[in-house]
Amino acid sequence: IAEILEQVVGEQFTIRFMAAFRMIRLLKVSRMARMLLMVPYFQLLVSGLQGAVYAMIWSFLLIAILAYAGALACATLLGSSSSCDPLNPTCTDNSFGFGSVGSSFMAHIQLVLLEAWPAVAAPMRDQSSLWVIYVAGYLCVTNIALLNVLTGVVCETILELARKMPQCTYKSHERDVKEIEWRVQ
């Protein structure tokens, strides 16, 4: 669309038109934000997430500490066994991802997120089969335990807020839905 407008009316008008178009799209986003204020269930969800922010921050901090501790250990044990320079493009050493604390930290974050974890674990496995136990334990502690506990904290906070909300009947819920539909139109 922008290319056609540029050919027809010129470049300056196209830039102004695109800026106005972006503003219209931004207004649609603000309309969706207003929708969050009208629906009590969305208010409950947003309040629950706000209440769980502290638990999320502490969980992410604990994951970062565990990743850093693992990065130090792996950079020391796996990075020191490097037989070639990792900056050399012809280097075929498997410990490339653990040569420094920074790259080892990123490898541990990949393990936490389960992002290509077999590729991260392969150089460790090639070094010694005991590293497989380390990777499995690290995955269990960080991914399964911490992230599931974090999900549980968010759910528990939302349920606690829901218990504090007044109970509504079906008729009042139906009336609220009709009122929201009327406001949206």
Protein backbone atom coordinates (compact mmCIF):
# COMPACT_ATOMS: atom_id res chain seq x y z
CA ILE A 1 0.00 0.00 0.00
CA ALA A 2 2.81 2.39 0.93
CA GLU A 3 4.55 1.89 -2.42
CA ILE A 4 1.36 2.59 -4.37
CA LEU A 5 0.64 5.75 -2.35
CA GLU A 6 4.20 6.92 -2.81
CA GLN A 7 3.91 6.61 -6.57
CA VAL A 8 0.51 8.29 -6.72
CA VAL A 9 0.78 11.19 -4.25
CA GLY A 10 4.43 11.48 -3.32
CA GLU A 11 6.74 10.51 -0.51
CA GLN A 12 5.85 13.26 2.04
CA PHE A 13 2.14 12.47 1.99
CA THR A 14 2.88 8.75 2.33
CA ILE A 15 4.93 9.33 5.49
CA ARG A 16 2.12 11.40 7.05
CA PHE A 17 -0.48 8.86 5.99
CA MET A 18 1.48 5.98 7.51
CA ALA A 19 1.91 7.92 10.78
CA ALA A 20 -1.85 8.49 10.92
CA PHE A 21 -2.44 4.83 10.15
CA ARG A 22 -0.17 3.86 13.06
CA MET A 23 -2.13 6.15 15.38
CA ILE A 24 -5.37 4.45 14.38
CA ARG A 25 -3.83 1.06 15.15
CA LEU A 26 -2.68 2.41 18.53
CA LEU A 27 -6.23 3.51 19.31
CA LYS A 28 -7.41 -0.05 18.69
CA VAL A 29 -4.92 -1.26 21.29
CA SER A 30 -6.23 1.29 23.81
CA ARG A 31 -9.75 0.04 23.10
CA MET A 32 -8.62 -3.46 24.06
CA ALA A 33 -7.08 -2.07 27.25
CA ARG A 34 -10.42 -0.44 28.08
CA MET A 35 -12.03 -3.83 27.58
CA LEU A 36 -9.82 -5.20 30.35
CA LEU A 37 -11.31 -2.65 32.73
CA MET A 38 -14.89 -3.56 31.85
CA VAL A 39 -14.68 -7.32 32.34
CA PRO A 40 -14.27 -8.37 35.97
CA TYR A 41 -12.60 -11.63 35.00
CA PHE A 42 -9.85 -9.78 33.18
CA GLN A 43 -9.45 -7.50 36.19
CA LEU A 44 -9.04 -10.61 38.31
CA LEU A 45 -6.40 -12.01 35.98
CA VAL A 46 -4.41 -8.76 35.86
CA SER A 47 -4.64 -8.39 39.66
CA GLY A 48 -3.45 -11.96 40.11
CA LEU A 49 -0.48 -11.40 37.84
CA GLN A 50 0.39 -8.21 39.73
CA GLY A 51 0.26 -10.11 43.00
CA ALA A 52 2.53 -12.82 41.66
CA VAL A 53 5.18 -10.46 40.31
CA TYR A 54 7.30 -10.72 43.44
CA ALA A 55 7.29 -14.51 43.28
CA MET A 56 8.24 -14.31 39.60
CA ILE A 57 11.13 -11.96 40.31
CA TRP A 58 12.51 -14.21 43.07
CA SER A 59 12.09 -17.30 40.89
CA PHE A 60 13.92 -15.71 37.98
CA LEU A 61 16.65 -14.55 40.34
CA LEU A 62 17.04 -18.09 41.69
CA ILE A 63 17.18 -19.46 38.13
CA ALA A 64 19.85 -16.87 37.25
CA ILE A 65 21.89 -17.84 40.32
CA LEU A 66 21.64 -21.53 39.45
CA ALA A 67 22.56 -20.80 35.83
CA TYR A 68 25.55 -18.71 36.89
CA ALA A 69 26.77 -21.36 39.34
CA GLY A 70 26.43 -24.02 36.64
CA ALA A 71 28.15 -21.72 34.14
CA LEU A 72 31.12 -21.27 36.46
CA ALA A 73 31.43 -25.02 36.98
CA CYS A 74 31.04 -25.88 33.30
CA ALA A 75 33.38 -23.13 32.10
CA THR A 76 36.01 -24.35 34.55
CA LEU A 77 35.61 -28.08 33.92
CA LEU A 78 34.58 -28.20 30.26
CA GLY A 79 36.18 -25.02 28.94
CA SER A 80 39.62 -25.87 30.27
CA SER A 81 39.67 -29.16 28.35
CA SER A 82 39.56 -27.33 25.04
CA SER A 83 42.18 -28.60 22.62
CA CYS A 84 41.85 -25.75 20.12
CA ASP A 85 41.14 -22.04 19.98
CA PRO A 86 37.34 -21.42 19.85
CA LEU A 87 37.89 -18.30 17.72
CA ASN A 88 39.45 -20.47 15.02
CA PRO A 89 36.74 -21.28 12.44
CA THR A 90 38.30 -24.70 11.78
CA CYS A 91 38.01 -25.66 15.46
CA THR A 92 36.03 -28.88 15.82
CA ASP A 93 36.23 -29.11 19.60
CA ASN A 94 32.90 -29.92 21.30
CA SER A 95 33.47 -27.63 24.30
CA PHE A 96 32.94 -24.48 22.21
CA GLY A 97 29.77 -23.49 24.13
CA PHE A 98 31.51 -23.70 27.50
CA GLY A 99 34.77 -21.87 26.80
CA SER A 100 33.78 -18.76 28.78
CA VAL A 101 31.45 -18.02 31.65
CA GLY A 102 29.21 -15.90 29.40
CA SER A 103 28.70 -18.56 26.76
CA SER A 104 28.27 -21.20 29.43
CA PHE A 105 25.67 -19.01 31.16
CA MET A 106 23.74 -18.71 27.90
CA ALA A 107 23.95 -22.48 27.45
CA HIS A 108 22.44 -22.93 30.91
CA ILE A 109 19.64 -20.47 30.11
CA GLN A 110 18.96 -22.54 26.98
CA LEU A 111 18.72 -25.60 29.22
CA VAL A 112 16.24 -23.84 31.50
CA LEU A 113 14.06 -22.84 28.57
CA LEU A 114 14.51 -26.24 26.88
CA GLU A 115 15.69 -24.38 23.78
CA ALA A 116 17.77 -26.83 21.75
CA TRP A 117 18.89 -28.57 24.92
CA PRO A 118 20.14 -31.70 23.11
CA ALA A 119 22.61 -29.54 21.18
CA VAL A 120 23.75 -27.94 24.45
CA ALA A 121 24.06 -31.28 26.23
CA ALA A 122 25.90 -33.06 23.40
CA PRO A 123 29.36 -31.55 24.11
CA MET A 124 28.89 -32.37 27.77
CA ARG A 125 27.95 -35.96 27.00
CA ASP A 126 30.94 -36.32 24.69
CA GLN A 127 33.24 -35.23 27.49
CA SER A 128 31.90 -37.71 30.06
CA SER A 129 28.71 -39.68 30.59
CA LEU A 130 28.46 -38.23 34.12
CA TRP A 131 27.50 -34.89 32.59
CA VAL A 132 24.23 -36.50 31.47
CA ILE A 133 23.29 -36.84 35.15
CA TYR A 134 24.19 -33.18 35.67
CA VAL A 135 22.02 -32.07 32.74
CA ALA A 136 19.09 -34.22 33.86
CA GLY A 137 19.32 -32.90 37.42
CA TYR A 138 19.66 -29.32 36.23
CA LEU A 139 16.63 -29.69 33.96
CA CYS A 140 14.57 -31.22 36.75
CA VAL A 141 15.45 -28.52 39.27
CA THR A 142 15.17 -25.48 37.04
CA ASN A 143 12.54 -26.35 34.50
CA ILE A 144 10.27 -28.84 36.14
CA ALA A 145 10.47 -27.65 39.74
CA LEU A 146 10.98 -23.89 39.59
CA LEU A 147 8.89 -23.05 36.55
CA ASN A 148 6.02 -25.27 37.66
CA VAL A 149 6.15 -23.74 41.14
CA LEU A 150 6.02 -20.32 39.51
CA THR A 151 2.93 -21.35 37.55
CA GLY A 152 1.40 -22.65 40.77
CA VAL A 153 2.07 -19.37 42.56
CA VAL A 154 0.34 -17.39 39.81
CA CYS A 155 -2.66 -19.75 39.88
CA GLU A 156 -2.86 -19.67 43.67
CA THR A 157 -2.77 -15.86 43.71
CA ILE A 158 -5.58 -15.68 41.17
CA LEU A 159 -7.65 -18.22 43.10
CA GLU A 160 -7.13 -16.27 46.32
CA LEU A 161 -8.33 -13.09 44.64
CA ALA A 162 -11.30 -14.96 43.17
CA ARG A 163 -12.32 -16.14 46.63
CA LYS A 164 -12.37 -12.52 47.80
CA MET A 165 -14.67 -11.46 44.95
CA PRO A 166 -18.39 -11.49 45.65
CA GLN A 167 -20.27 -14.46 44.31
CA CYS A 168 -22.44 -13.70 41.32
CA THR A 169 -25.52 -15.46 40.12
CA TYR A 170 -26.16 -16.57 36.60
CA LYS A 171 -28.63 -13.73 36.00
CA SER A 172 -26.21 -11.07 37.18
CA HIS A 173 -23.48 -12.61 35.02
CA GLU A 174 -25.82 -12.59 32.01
CA ARG A 175 -26.71 -8.95 32.72
CA ASP A 176 -23.01 -8.04 32.91
CA VAL A 177 -22.30 -9.74 29.59
CA LYS A 178 -25.15 -7.87 27.89
CA GLU A 179 -23.91 -4.58 29.34
CA ILE A 180 -20.40 -5.26 28.03
CA GLU A 181 -21.77 -6.16 24.61
CA TRP A 182 -23.73 -2.90 24.57
CA ARG A 183 -20.62 -0.88 25.54
CA VAL A 184 -18.46 -2.53 22.90
CA GLN A 185 -20.93 -1.80 20.10
